[in-house]
Amino acid sequence: MKKTLFSIIIALTSTLLLNSCGVGTYSVTSGKSDEAGISFTSAKAMDITVIIDESSYDICTVKDKAYKADRKIKQTANNTIQIKPGTYNIKVVVEGTEVFAKKLFISASEHRIIEL
């Protein structure tokens, strides 16, 4: 009787230990996000209209500081346009005057900063 009870306790203990090891299915995602951003800088903050392949966006420029030429720009809805990676024709219009026009390739997860 003692031998049977001991065998049952061993079987239950090992079953509990094996089931609580955290073995299971997990999902891991890695790699770059499939979105890029474009921001514009100028000597002073101003409202601009950006035309990207027939789509128009009204955003603000970020004031460029000469002593921090390589600074990071915080991406907000007011100063950054989020687009899919690819090649685009980009035009910038300020008060009815075109100040920038160029064909650009934007890669995944890139934050392109264009100086006006």
PDB file of N, CA and C in Angstrom:
ATOM      1  N   MET A   1       0.813  -1.192   0.000  1.00  0.00           N
ATOM      2  CA  MET A   1       0.000   0.000   0.000  1.00  0.00           C
ATOM      3  C   MET A   1       0.864   1.266   0.000  1.00  0.00           C
ATOM      4  N   LYS A   2       1.920   1.239   0.828  1.00  0.00           N
ATOM      5  CA  LYS A   2       2.802   2.391   0.896  1.00  0.00           C
ATOM      6  C   LYS A   2       3.528   2.589  -0.433  1.00  0.00           C
ATOM      7  N   LYS A   3       3.883   1.479  -1.083  1.00  0.00           N
ATOM      8  CA  LYS A   3       4.579   1.547  -2.350  1.00  0.00           C
ATOM      9  C   LYS A   3       3.666   2.149  -3.421  1.00  0.00           C
ATOM     10  N   THR A   4       2.406   1.800  -3.445  1.00  0.00           N
ATOM     11  CA  THR A   4       1.448   2.306  -4.420  1.00  0.00           C
ATOM     12  C   THR A   4       1.186   3.797  -4.172  1.00  0.00           C
ATOM     13  N   LEU A   5       1.024   4.168  -2.939  1.00  0.00           N
ATOM     14  CA  LEU A   5       0.793   5.573  -2.598  1.00  0.00           C
ATOM     15  C   LEU A   5       2.014   6.415  -2.970  1.00  0.00           C
ATOM     16  N   PHE A   6       3.210   5.897  -2.717  1.00  0.00           N
ATOM     17  CA  PHE A   6       4.438   6.606  -3.081  1.00  0.00           C
ATOM     18  C   PHE A   6       4.543   6.762  -4.599  1.00  0.00           C
ATOM     19  N   SER A   7       4.177   5.741  -5.361  1.00  0.00           N
ATOM     20  CA  SER A   7       4.206   5.789  -6.828  1.00  0.00           C
ATOM     21  C   SER A   7       3.220   6.822  -7.368  1.00  0.00           C
ATOM     22  N   ILE A   8       2.050   6.905  -6.758  1.00  0.00           N
ATOM     23  CA  ILE A   8       1.034   7.882  -7.190  1.00  0.00           C
ATOM     24  C   ILE A   8       1.524   9.304  -6.909  1.00  0.00           C
ATOM     25  N   ILE A   9       2.124   9.526  -5.755  1.00  0.00           N
ATOM     26  CA  ILE A   9       2.649  10.855  -5.407  1.00  0.00           C
ATOM     27  C   ILE A   9       3.763  11.247  -6.368  1.00  0.00           C
ATOM     28  N   ILE A  10       4.657  10.333  -6.709  1.00  0.00           N
ATOM     29  CA  ILE A  10       5.742  10.608  -7.660  1.00  0.00           C
ATOM     30  C   ILE A  10       5.151  10.953  -9.025  1.00  0.00           C
ATOM     31  N   ALA A  11       4.173  10.208  -9.480  1.00  0.00           N
ATOM     32  CA  ALA A  11       3.553  10.437 -10.790  1.00  0.00           C
ATOM     33  C   ALA A  11       2.863  11.807 -10.824  1.00  0.00           C
ATOM     34  N   LEU A  12       2.127  12.166  -9.784  1.00  0.00           N
ATOM     35  CA  LEU A  12       1.457  13.467  -9.727  1.00  0.00           C
ATOM     36  C   LEU A  12       2.461  14.618  -9.679  1.00  0.00           C
ATOM     37  N   THR A  13       3.515  14.466  -8.897  1.00  0.00           N
ATOM     38  CA  THR A  13       4.528  15.508  -8.780  1.00  0.00           C
ATOM     39  C   THR A  13       5.234  15.733 -10.109  1.00  0.00           C
ATOM     40  N   SER A  14       5.627  14.658 -10.767  1.00  0.00           N
ATOM     41  CA  SER A  14       6.313  14.812 -12.054  1.00  0.00           C
ATOM     42  C   SER A  14       5.382  15.389 -13.111  1.00  0.00           C
ATOM     43  N   THR A  15       4.108  15.035 -13.088  1.00  0.00           N
ATOM     44  CA  THR A  15       3.142  15.594 -14.034  1.00  0.00           C
ATOM     45  C   THR A  15       2.987  17.092 -13.817  1.00  0.00           C
ATOM     46  N   LEU A  16       2.886  17.515 -12.568  1.00  0.00           N
ATOM     47  CA  LEU A  16       2.763  18.942 -12.262  1.00  0.00           C
ATOM     48  C   LEU A  16       4.016  19.709 -12.672  1.00  0.00           C
ATOM     49  N   LEU A  17       5.178  19.150 -12.432  1.00  0.00           N
ATOM     50  CA  LEU A  17       6.422  19.820 -12.790  1.00  0.00           C
ATOM     51  C   LEU A  17       6.583  19.944 -14.297  1.00  0.00           C
ATOM     52  N   LEU A  18       6.238  18.921 -15.031  1.00  0.00           N
ATOM     53  CA  LEU A  18       6.384  18.968 -16.481  1.00  0.00           C
ATOM     54  C   LEU A  18       5.375  19.923 -17.133  1.00  0.00           C
ATOM     55  N   ASN A  19       4.181  20.016 -16.561  1.00  0.00           N
ATOM     56  CA  ASN A  19       3.164  20.900 -17.136  1.00  0.00           C
ATOM     57  C   ASN A  19       3.419  22.370 -16.829  1.00  0.00           C
ATOM     58  N   SER A  20       4.199  22.676 -15.822  1.00  0.00           N
ATOM     59  CA  SER A  20       4.427  24.069 -15.451  1.00  0.00           C
ATOM     60  C   SER A  20       5.767  24.601 -15.954  1.00  0.00           C
ATOM     61  N   CYS A  21       6.394  23.953 -16.901  1.00  0.00           N
ATOM     62  CA  CYS A  21       7.700  24.377 -17.406  1.00  0.00           C
ATOM     63  C   CYS A  21       7.619  25.545 -18.372  1.00  0.00           C
ATOM     64  N   GLY A  22       6.444  25.908 -18.797  1.00  0.00           N
ATOM     65  CA  GLY A  22       6.321  27.019 -19.735  1.00  0.00           C
ATOM     66  C   GLY A  22       6.463  26.574 -21.181  1.00  0.00           C
ATOM     67  N   VAL A  23       6.336  25.301 -21.417  1.00  0.00           N
ATOM     68  CA  VAL A  23       6.422  24.791 -22.776  1.00  0.00           C
ATOM     69  C   VAL A  23       5.119  25.146 -23.484  1.00  0.00           C
ATOM     70  N   GLY A  24       5.229  25.708 -24.661  1.00  0.00           N
ATOM     71  CA  GLY A  24       4.034  26.081 -25.403  1.00  0.00           C
ATOM     72  C   GLY A  24       4.412  26.770 -26.696  1.00  0.00           C
ATOM     73  N   THR A  25       3.444  27.388 -27.307  1.00  0.00           N
ATOM     74  CA  THR A  25       3.667  28.082 -28.568  1.00  0.00           C
ATOM     75  C   THR A  25       3.729  29.574 -28.317  1.00  0.00           C
ATOM     76  N   TYR A  26       4.794  30.206 -28.812  1.00  0.00           N
ATOM     77  CA  TYR A  26       4.971  31.633 -28.654  1.00  0.00           C
ATOM     78  C   TYR A  26       5.190  32.264 -30.016  1.00  0.00           C
ATOM     79  N   SER A  27       4.768  33.498 -30.169  1.00  0.00           N
ATOM     80  CA  SER A  27       4.946  34.224 -31.421  1.00  0.00           C
ATOM     81  C   SER A  27       5.976  35.331 -31.212  1.00  0.00           C
ATOM     82  N   VAL A  28       6.950  35.399 -32.110  1.00  0.00           N
ATOM     83  CA  VAL A  28       7.977  36.421 -32.038  1.00  0.00           C
ATOM     84  C   VAL A  28       7.995  37.169 -33.361  1.00  0.00           C
ATOM     85  N   THR A  29       7.947  38.492 -33.292  1.00  0.00           N
ATOM     86  CA  THR A  29       7.997  39.315 -34.488  1.00  0.00           C
ATOM     87  C   THR A  29       9.275  40.128 -34.459  1.00  0.00           C
ATOM     88  N   SER A  30       9.955  40.165 -35.591  1.00  0.00           N
ATOM     89  CA  SER A  30      11.165  40.958 -35.661  1.00  0.00           C
ATOM     90  C   SER A  30      11.288  41.569 -37.045  1.00  0.00           C
ATOM     91  N   GLY A  31      12.267  42.422 -37.205  1.00  0.00           N
ATOM     92  CA  GLY A  31      12.466  43.076 -38.492  1.00  0.00           C
ATOM     93  C   GLY A  31      11.998  44.515 -38.447  1.00  0.00           C
ATOM     94  N   LYS A  32      12.119  45.188 -39.571  1.00  0.00           N
ATOM     95  CA  LYS A  32      11.748  46.590 -39.656  1.00  0.00           C
ATOM     96  C   LYS A  32      10.255  46.736 -39.952  1.00  0.00           C
ATOM     97  N   SER A  33       9.668  47.805 -39.421  1.00  0.00           N
ATOM     98  CA  SER A  33       8.273  48.063 -39.726  1.00  0.00           C
ATOM     99  C   SER A  33       8.147  48.516 -41.172  1.00  0.00           C
ATOM    100  N   ASP A  34       6.997  48.277 -41.755  1.00  0.00           N
ATOM    101  CA  ASP A  34       6.786  48.585 -43.166  1.00  0.00           C
ATOM    102  C   ASP A  34       6.219  49.995 -43.318  1.00  0.00           C
ATOM    103  N   GLU A  35       6.884  50.954 -42.691  1.00  0.00           N
ATOM    104  CA  GLU A  35       6.454  52.336 -42.769  1.00  0.00           C
ATOM    105  C   GLU A  35       7.666  53.242 -42.616  1.00  0.00           C
ATOM    106  N   ALA A  36       7.622  54.382 -43.285  1.00  0.00           N
ATOM    107  CA  ALA A  36       8.713  55.354 -43.224  1.00  0.00           C
ATOM    108  C   ALA A  36       8.123  56.728 -42.941  1.00  0.00           C
ATOM    109  N   GLY A  37       8.989  57.670 -42.594  1.00  0.00           N
ATOM    110  CA  GLY A  37       8.533  59.027 -42.303  1.00  0.00           C
ATOM    111  C   GLY A  37       9.358  60.061 -43.033  1.00  0.00           C
ATOM    112  N   ILE A  38       8.713  61.179 -43.379  1.00  0.00           N
ATOM    113  CA  ILE A  38       9.397  62.305 -44.003  1.00  0.00           C
ATOM    114  C   ILE A  38       9.085  63.546 -43.187  1.00  0.00           C
ATOM    115  N   SER A  39      10.142  64.269 -42.784  1.00  0.00           N
ATOM    116  CA  SER A  39       9.989  65.536 -42.074  1.00  0.00           C
ATOM    117  C   SER A  39      10.755  66.609 -42.829  1.00  0.00           C
ATOM    118  N   PHE A  40      10.370  67.863 -42.613  1.00  0.00           N
ATOM    119  CA  PHE A  40      10.994  68.986 -43.302  1.00  0.00           C
ATOM    120  C   PHE A  40      11.490  69.996 -42.282  1.00  0.00           C
ATOM    121  N   THR A  41      12.685  70.558 -42.529  1.00  0.00           N
ATOM    122  CA  THR A  41      13.238  71.585 -41.658  1.00  0.00           C
ATOM    123  C   THR A  41      13.446  72.857 -42.469  1.00  0.00           C
ATOM    124  N   SER A  42      13.428  73.984 -41.782  1.00  0.00           N
ATOM    125  CA  SER A  42      13.695  75.275 -42.412  1.00  0.00           C
ATOM    126  C   SER A  42      14.241  76.219 -41.350  1.00  0.00           C
ATOM    127  N   ALA A  43      14.651  77.417 -41.775  1.00  0.00           N
ATOM    128  CA  ALA A  43      15.219  78.396 -40.847  1.00  0.00           C
ATOM    129  C   ALA A  43      14.216  78.809 -39.773  1.00  0.00           C
ATOM    130  N   LYS A  44      12.939  78.782 -40.116  1.00  0.00           N
ATOM    131  CA  LYS A  44      11.887  79.086 -39.135  1.00  0.00           C
ATOM    132  C   LYS A  44      10.735  78.120 -39.348  1.00  0.00           C
ATOM    133  N   ALA A  45       9.973  77.874 -38.315  1.00  0.00           N
ATOM    134  CA  ALA A  45       8.818  76.989 -38.426  1.00  0.00           C
ATOM    135  C   ALA A  45       7.739  77.675 -39.262  1.00  0.00           C
ATOM    136  N   MET A  46       7.228  76.948 -40.256  1.00  0.00           N
ATOM    137  CA  MET A  46       6.180  77.505 -41.115  1.00  0.00           C
ATOM    138  C   MET A  46       5.293  76.392 -41.640  1.00  0.00           C
ATOM    139  N   ASP A  47       4.098  76.772 -42.078  1.00  0.00           N
ATOM    140  CA  ASP A  47       3.166  75.820 -42.658  1.00  0.00           C
ATOM    141  C   ASP A  47       3.523  75.583 -44.117  1.00  0.00           C
ATOM    142  N   ILE A  48       3.518  74.304 -44.527  1.00  0.00           N
ATOM    143  CA  ILE A  48       3.821  73.951 -45.911  1.00  0.00           C
ATOM    144  C   ILE A  48       2.797  72.943 -46.414  1.00  0.00           C
ATOM    145  N   THR A  49       2.710  72.831 -47.727  1.00  0.00           N
ATOM    146  CA  THR A  49       1.890  71.812 -48.362  1.00  0.00           C
ATOM    147  C   THR A  49       2.832  70.868 -49.089  1.00  0.00           C
ATOM    148  N   VAL A  50       2.734  69.595 -48.790  1.00  0.00           N
ATOM    149  CA  VAL A  50       3.588  68.584 -49.405  1.00  0.00           C
ATOM    150  C   VAL A  50       2.720  67.741 -50.326  1.00  0.00           C
ATOM    151  N   ILE A  51       3.161  67.590 -51.570  1.00  0.00           N
ATOM    152  CA  ILE A  51       2.434  66.774 -52.546  1.00  0.00           C
ATOM    153  C   ILE A  51       3.294  65.553 -52.845  1.00  0.00           C
ATOM    154  N   ILE A  52       2.772  64.386 -52.501  1.00  0.00           N
ATOM    155  CA  ILE A  52       3.471  63.125 -52.736  1.00  0.00           C
ATOM    156  C   ILE A  52       2.618  62.300 -53.687  1.00  0.00           C
ATOM    157  N   ASP A  53       3.058  62.200 -54.946  1.00  0.00           N
ATOM    158  CA  ASP A  53       2.342  61.426 -55.969  1.00  0.00           C
ATOM    159  C   ASP A  53       0.832  61.717 -55.952  1.00  0.00           C
ATOM    160  N   GLU A  54       0.463  62.936 -56.134  1.00  0.00           N
ATOM    161  CA  GLU A  54      -0.937  63.378 -56.248  1.00  0.00           C
ATOM    162  C   GLU A  54      -1.688  63.443 -54.913  1.00  0.00           C
ATOM    163  N   SER A  55      -1.074  63.070 -53.798  1.00  0.00           N
ATOM    164  CA  SER A  55      -1.705  63.202 -52.486  1.00  0.00           C
ATOM    165  C   SER A  55      -1.124  64.438 -51.807  1.00  0.00           C
ATOM    166  N   SER A  56      -1.983  65.238 -51.195  1.00  0.00           N
ATOM    167  CA  SER A  56      -1.559  66.496 -50.589  1.00  0.00           C
ATOM    168  C   SER A  56      -1.641  66.410 -49.060  1.00  0.00           C
ATOM    169  N   TYR A  57      -0.616  66.953 -48.383  1.00  0.00           N
ATOM    170  CA  TYR A  57      -0.553  66.963 -46.925  1.00  0.00           C
ATOM    171  C   TYR A  57      -0.199  68.369 -46.453  1.00  0.00           C
ATOM    172  N   ASP A  58      -0.896  68.866 -45.444  1.00  0.00           N
ATOM    173  CA  ASP A  58      -0.578  70.155 -44.830  1.00  0.00           C
ATOM    174  C   ASP A  58       0.100  69.882 -43.496  1.00  0.00           C
ATOM    175  N   ILE A  59       1.393  70.265 -43.409  1.00  0.00           N
ATOM    176  CA  ILE A  59       2.169  70.040 -42.186  1.00  0.00           C
ATOM    177  C   ILE A  59       2.986  71.282 -41.872  1.00  0.00           C
ATOM    178  N   CYS A  60       3.711  71.247 -40.774  1.00  0.00           N
ATOM    179  CA  CYS A  60       4.602  72.343 -40.366  1.00  0.00           C
ATOM    180  C   CYS A  60       6.048  71.880 -40.468  1.00  0.00           C
ATOM    181  N   THR A  61       6.939  72.825 -40.755  1.00  0.00           N
ATOM    182  CA  THR A  61       8.366  72.492 -40.741  1.00  0.00           C
ATOM    183  C   THR A  61       8.881  72.569 -39.311  1.00  0.00           C
ATOM    184  N   VAL A  62      10.045  71.977 -39.104  1.00  0.00           N
ATOM    185  CA  VAL A  62      10.718  72.036 -37.811  1.00  0.00           C
ATOM    186  C   VAL A  62      11.830  73.062 -37.948  1.00  0.00           C
ATOM    187  N   LYS A  63      11.947  73.955 -36.968  1.00  0.00           N
ATOM    188  CA  LYS A  63      12.982  74.983 -37.012  1.00  0.00           C
ATOM    189  C   LYS A  63      14.348  74.315 -36.945  1.00  0.00           C
ATOM    190  N   ASP A  64      15.174  74.599 -37.949  1.00  0.00           N
ATOM    191  CA  ASP A  64      16.495  74.005 -38.059  1.00  0.00           C
ATOM    192  C   ASP A  64      17.478  74.822 -37.237  1.00  0.00           C
ATOM    193  N   LYS A  65      18.252  74.157 -36.409  1.00  0.00           N
ATOM    194  CA  LYS A  65      19.263  74.817 -35.594  1.00  0.00           C
ATOM    195  C   LYS A  65      20.626  74.417 -36.143  1.00  0.00           C
ATOM    196  N   ALA A  66      21.392  75.384 -36.605  1.00  0.00           N
ATOM    197  CA  ALA A  66      22.676  75.119 -37.254  1.00  0.00           C
ATOM    198  C   ALA A  66      23.641  74.371 -36.337  1.00  0.00           C
ATOM    199  N   TYR A  67      23.600  74.656 -35.048  1.00  0.00           N
ATOM    200  CA  TYR A  67      24.531  74.014 -34.143  1.00  0.00           C
ATOM    201  C   TYR A  67      24.150  72.566 -33.839  1.00  0.00           C
ATOM    202  N   LYS A  68      22.982  72.142 -34.278  1.00  0.00           N
ATOM    203  CA  LYS A  68      22.536  70.760 -34.088  1.00  0.00           C
ATOM    204  C   LYS A  68      22.091  70.187 -35.428  1.00  0.00           C
ATOM    205  N   ALA A  69      22.964  70.189 -36.402  1.00  0.00           N
ATOM    206  CA  ALA A  69      22.604  69.755 -37.749  1.00  0.00           C
ATOM    207  C   ALA A  69      22.204  68.284 -37.809  1.00  0.00           C
ATOM    208  N   ASP A  70      22.780  67.440 -36.969  1.00  0.00           N
ATOM    209  CA  ASP A  70      22.479  66.008 -37.022  1.00  0.00           C
ATOM    210  C   ASP A  70      21.513  65.564 -35.913  1.00  0.00           C
ATOM    211  N   ARG A  71      20.751  66.476 -35.382  1.00  0.00           N
ATOM    212  CA  ARG A  71      19.843  66.143 -34.290  1.00  0.00           C
ATOM    213  C   ARG A  71      18.673  65.288 -34.763  1.00  0.00           C
ATOM    214  N   LYS A  72      18.088  64.581 -33.849  1.00  0.00           N
ATOM    215  CA  LYS A  72      16.912  63.774 -34.152  1.00  0.00           C
ATOM    216  C   LYS A  72      15.674  64.648 -33.993  1.00  0.00           C
ATOM    217  N   ILE A  73      14.708  64.430 -34.872  1.00  0.00           N
ATOM    218  CA  ILE A  73      13.467  65.185 -34.835  1.00  0.00           C
ATOM    219  C   ILE A  73      12.369  64.278 -34.304  1.00  0.00           C
ATOM    220  N   LYS A  74      11.643  64.753 -33.305  1.00  0.00           N
ATOM    221  CA  LYS A  74      10.530  63.991 -32.776  1.00  0.00           C
ATOM    222  C   LYS A  74       9.428  63.949 -33.833  1.00  0.00           C
ATOM    223  N   GLN A  75       9.002  62.748 -34.186  1.00  0.00           N
ATOM    224  CA  GLN A  75       7.990  62.585 -35.223  1.00  0.00           C
ATOM    225  C   GLN A  75       6.600  62.765 -34.623  1.00  0.00           C
ATOM    226  N   THR A  76       5.884  63.788 -35.114  1.00  0.00           N
ATOM    227  CA  THR A  76       4.512  64.021 -34.688  1.00  0.00           C
ATOM    228  C   THR A  76       3.623  64.099 -35.917  1.00  0.00           C
ATOM    229  N   ALA A  77       2.327  64.106 -35.708  1.00  0.00           N
ATOM    230  CA  ALA A  77       1.382  64.225 -36.823  1.00  0.00           C
ATOM    231  C   ALA A  77       1.477  65.597 -37.472  1.00  0.00           C
ATOM    232  N   ASN A  78       1.984  66.611 -36.747  1.00  0.00           N
ATOM    233  CA  ASN A  78       2.091  67.966 -37.292  1.00  0.00           C
ATOM    234  C   ASN A  78       3.312  68.167 -38.174  1.00  0.00           C
ATOM    235  N   ASN A  79       4.366  67.349 -38.007  1.00  0.00           N
ATOM    236  CA  ASN A  79       5.594  67.613 -38.763  1.00  0.00           C
ATOM    237  C   ASN A  79       6.119  66.426 -39.566  1.00  0.00           C
ATOM    238  N   THR A  80       5.456  65.287 -39.537  1.00  0.00           N
ATOM    239  CA  THR A  80       5.948  64.102 -40.224  1.00  0.00           C
ATOM    240  C   THR A  80       4.828  63.436 -41.018  1.00  0.00           C
ATOM    241  N   ILE A  81       5.166  62.988 -42.214  1.00  0.00           N
ATOM    242  CA  ILE A  81       4.226  62.242 -43.052  1.00  0.00           C
ATOM    243  C   ILE A  81       4.665  60.785 -43.033  1.00  0.00           C
ATOM    244  N   GLN A  82       3.772  59.879 -42.654  1.00  0.00           N
ATOM    245  CA  GLN A  82       4.066  58.451 -42.626  1.00  0.00           C
ATOM    246  C   GLN A  82       3.608  57.830 -43.947  1.00  0.00           C
ATOM    247  N   ILE A  83       4.534  57.147 -44.648  1.00  0.00           N
ATOM    248  CA  ILE A  83       4.220  56.520 -45.928  1.00  0.00           C
ATOM    249  C   ILE A  83       4.855  55.136 -45.991  1.00  0.00           C
ATOM    250  N   LYS A  84       4.419  54.346 -46.958  1.00  0.00           N
ATOM    251  CA  LYS A  84       5.016  53.034 -47.212  1.00  0.00           C
ATOM    252  C   LYS A  84       6.343  53.228 -47.933  1.00  0.00           C
ATOM    253  N   PRO A  85       7.289  52.317 -47.779  1.00  0.00           N
ATOM    254  CA  PRO A  85       8.556  52.424 -48.500  1.00  0.00           C
ATOM    255  C   PRO A  85       8.331  52.380 -50.011  1.00  0.00           C
ATOM    256  N   GLY A  86       9.166  53.099 -50.746  1.00  0.00           N
ATOM    257  CA  GLY A  86       9.060  53.116 -52.201  1.00  0.00           C
ATOM    258  C   GLY A  86       9.649  54.385 -52.781  1.00  0.00           C
ATOM    259  N   THR A  87       9.447  54.570 -54.087  1.00  0.00           N
ATOM    260  CA  THR A  87       9.935  55.751 -54.791  1.00  0.00           C
ATOM    261  C   THR A  87       8.768  56.703 -55.007  1.00  0.00           C
ATOM    262  N   TYR A  88       8.969  57.977 -54.665  1.00  0.00           N
ATOM    263  CA  TYR A  88       7.904  58.968 -54.742  1.00  0.00           C
ATOM    264  C   TYR A  88       8.407  60.261 -55.378  1.00  0.00           C
ATOM    265  N   ASN A  89       7.501  60.960 -56.059  1.00  0.00           N
ATOM    266  CA  ASN A  89       7.754  62.322 -56.521  1.00  0.00           C
ATOM    267  C   ASN A  89       7.233  63.250 -55.437  1.00  0.00           C
ATOM    268  N   ILE A  90       8.122  64.045 -54.862  1.00  0.00           N
ATOM    269  CA  ILE A  90       7.758  64.900 -53.737  1.00  0.00           C
ATOM    270  C   ILE A  90       7.926  66.358 -54.135  1.00  0.00           C
ATOM    271  N   LYS A  91       6.875  67.149 -53.858  1.00  0.00           N
ATOM    272  CA  LYS A  91       6.915  68.592 -54.097  1.00  0.00           C
ATOM    273  C   LYS A  91       6.489  69.290 -52.814  1.00  0.00           C
ATOM    274  N   VAL A  92       7.138  70.425 -52.533  1.00  0.00           N
ATOM    275  CA  VAL A  92       6.786  71.229 -51.367  1.00  0.00           C
ATOM    276  C   VAL A  92       6.386  72.611 -51.859  1.00  0.00           C
ATOM    277  N   VAL A  93       5.212  73.071 -51.411  1.00  0.00           N
ATOM    278  CA  VAL A  93       4.684  74.373 -51.808  1.00  0.00           C
ATOM    279  C   VAL A  93       4.512  75.227 -50.553  1.00  0.00           C
ATOM    280  N   VAL A  94       5.077  76.458 -50.614  1.00  0.00           N
ATOM    281  CA  VAL A  94       4.932  77.420 -49.522  1.00  0.00           C
ATOM    282  C   VAL A  94       4.268  78.661 -50.094  1.00  0.00           C
ATOM    283  N   GLU A  95       3.089  78.972 -49.596  1.00  0.00           N
ATOM    284  CA  GLU A  95       2.319  80.148 -50.022  1.00  0.00           C
ATOM    285  C   GLU A  95       2.202  80.229 -51.549  1.00  0.00           C
ATOM    286  N   GLY A  96       1.907  79.102 -52.186  1.00  0.00           N
ATOM    287  CA  GLY A  96       1.705  79.071 -53.626  1.00  0.00           C
ATOM    288  C   GLY A  96       2.964  78.944 -54.460  1.00  0.00           C
ATOM    289  N   THR A  97       4.136  78.958 -53.853  1.00  0.00           N
ATOM    290  CA  THR A  97       5.405  78.858 -54.575  1.00  0.00           C
ATOM    291  C   THR A  97       6.038  77.497 -54.311  1.00  0.00           C
ATOM    292  N   GLU A  98       6.439  76.807 -55.367  1.00  0.00           N
ATOM    293  CA  GLU A  98       7.103  75.511 -55.220  1.00  0.00           C
ATOM    294  C   GLU A  98       8.554  75.742 -54.812  1.00  0.00           C
ATOM    295  N   VAL A  99       8.940  75.217 -53.646  1.00  0.00           N
ATOM    296  CA  VAL A  99      10.291  75.438 -53.130  1.00  0.00           C
ATOM    297  C   VAL A  99      11.156  74.182 -53.165  1.00  0.00           C
ATOM    298  N   PHE A 100      10.538  73.026 -53.410  1.00  0.00           N
ATOM    299  CA  PHE A 100      11.290  71.768 -53.448  1.00  0.00           C
ATOM    300  C   PHE A 100      10.554  70.794 -54.342  1.00  0.00           C
ATOM    301  N   ALA A 101      11.280  70.107 -55.215  1.00  0.00           N
ATOM    302  CA  ALA A 101      10.715  69.051 -56.055  1.00  0.00           C
ATOM    303  C   ALA A 101      11.808  68.034 -56.329  1.00  0.00           C
ATOM    304  N   LYS A 102      11.534  66.771 -56.000  1.00  0.00           N
ATOM    305  CA  LYS A 102      12.540  65.743 -56.197  1.00  0.00           C
ATOM    306  C   LYS A 102      11.887  64.366 -56.168  1.00  0.00           C
ATOM    307  N   LYS A 103      12.500  63.415 -56.870  1.00  0.00           N
ATOM    308  CA  LYS A 103      12.071  62.022 -56.821  1.00  0.00           C
ATOM    309  C   LYS A 103      12.955  61.335 -55.789  1.00  0.00           C
ATOM    310  N   LEU A 104      12.340  60.737 -54.764  1.00  0.00           N
ATOM    311  CA  LEU A 104      13.091  60.135 -53.659  1.00  0.00           C
ATOM    312  C   LEU A 104      12.691  58.689 -53.443  1.00  0.00           C
ATOM    313  N   PHE A 105      13.673  57.885 -53.046  1.00  0.00           N
ATOM    314  CA  PHE A 105      13.402  56.523 -52.597  1.00  0.00           C
ATOM    315  C   PHE A 105      13.448  56.521 -51.077  1.00  0.00           C
ATOM    316  N   ILE A 106      12.404  56.011 -50.465  1.00  0.00           N
ATOM    317  CA  ILE A 106      12.310  55.929 -49.007  1.00  0.00           C
ATOM    318  C   ILE A 106      12.296  54.453 -48.630  1.00  0.00           C
ATOM    319  N   SER A 107      13.229  54.030 -47.771  1.00  0.00           N
ATOM    320  CA  SER A 107      13.288  52.629 -47.367  1.00  0.00           C
ATOM    321  C   SER A 107      12.496  52.400 -46.081  1.00  0.00           C
ATOM    322  N   ALA A 108      12.294  51.133 -45.726  1.00  0.00           N
ATOM    323  CA  ALA A 108      11.511  50.764 -44.545  1.00  0.00           C
ATOM    324  C   ALA A 108      12.148  51.312 -43.276  1.00  0.00           C
ATOM    325  N   SER A 109      11.340  51.828 -42.391  1.00  0.00           N
ATOM    326  CA  SER A 109      11.737  52.374 -41.088  1.00  0.00           C
ATOM    327  C   SER A 109      12.658  53.583 -41.182  1.00  0.00           C
ATOM    328  N   GLU A 110      12.793  54.188 -42.349  1.00  0.00           N
ATOM    329  CA  GLU A 110      13.647  55.356 -42.503  1.00  0.00           C
ATOM    330  C   GLU A 110      12.880  56.619 -42.128  1.00  0.00           C
ATOM    331  N   HIS A 111      13.552  57.541 -41.482  1.00  0.00           N
ATOM    332  CA  HIS A 111      12.986  58.862 -41.209  1.00  0.00           C
ATOM    333  C   HIS A 111      13.827  59.864 -41.987  1.00  0.00           C
ATOM    334  N   ARG A 112      13.334  60.255 -43.148  1.00  0.00           N
ATOM    335  CA  ARG A 112      14.067  61.162 -44.036  1.00  0.00           C
ATOM    336  C   ARG A 112      13.780  62.589 -43.611  1.00  0.00           C
ATOM    337  N   ILE A 113      14.848  63.380 -43.407  1.00  0.00           N
ATOM    338  CA  ILE A 113      14.717  64.784 -43.040  1.00  0.00           C
ATOM    339  C   ILE A 113      15.192  65.607 -44.231  1.00  0.00           C
ATOM    340  N   ILE A 114      14.300  66.451 -44.750  1.00  0.00           N
ATOM    341  CA  ILE A 114      14.607  67.272 -45.930  1.00  0.00           C
ATOM    342  C   ILE A 114      14.708  68.714 -45.493  1.00  0.00           C
ATOM    343  N   GLU A 115      15.852  69.335 -45.813  1.00  0.00           N
ATOM    344  CA  GLU A 115      16.075  70.737 -45.484  1.00  0.00           C
ATOM    345  C   GLU A 115      15.555  71.610 -46.614  1.00  0.00           C
ATOM    346  N   LEU A 116      14.756  72.611 -46.275  1.00  0.00           N
ATOM    347  CA  LEU A 116      14.217  73.531 -47.291  1.00  0.00           C
ATOM    348  C   LEU A 116      15.021  74.815 -47.307  1.00  0.00           C
TER     349      LEU A 116
END
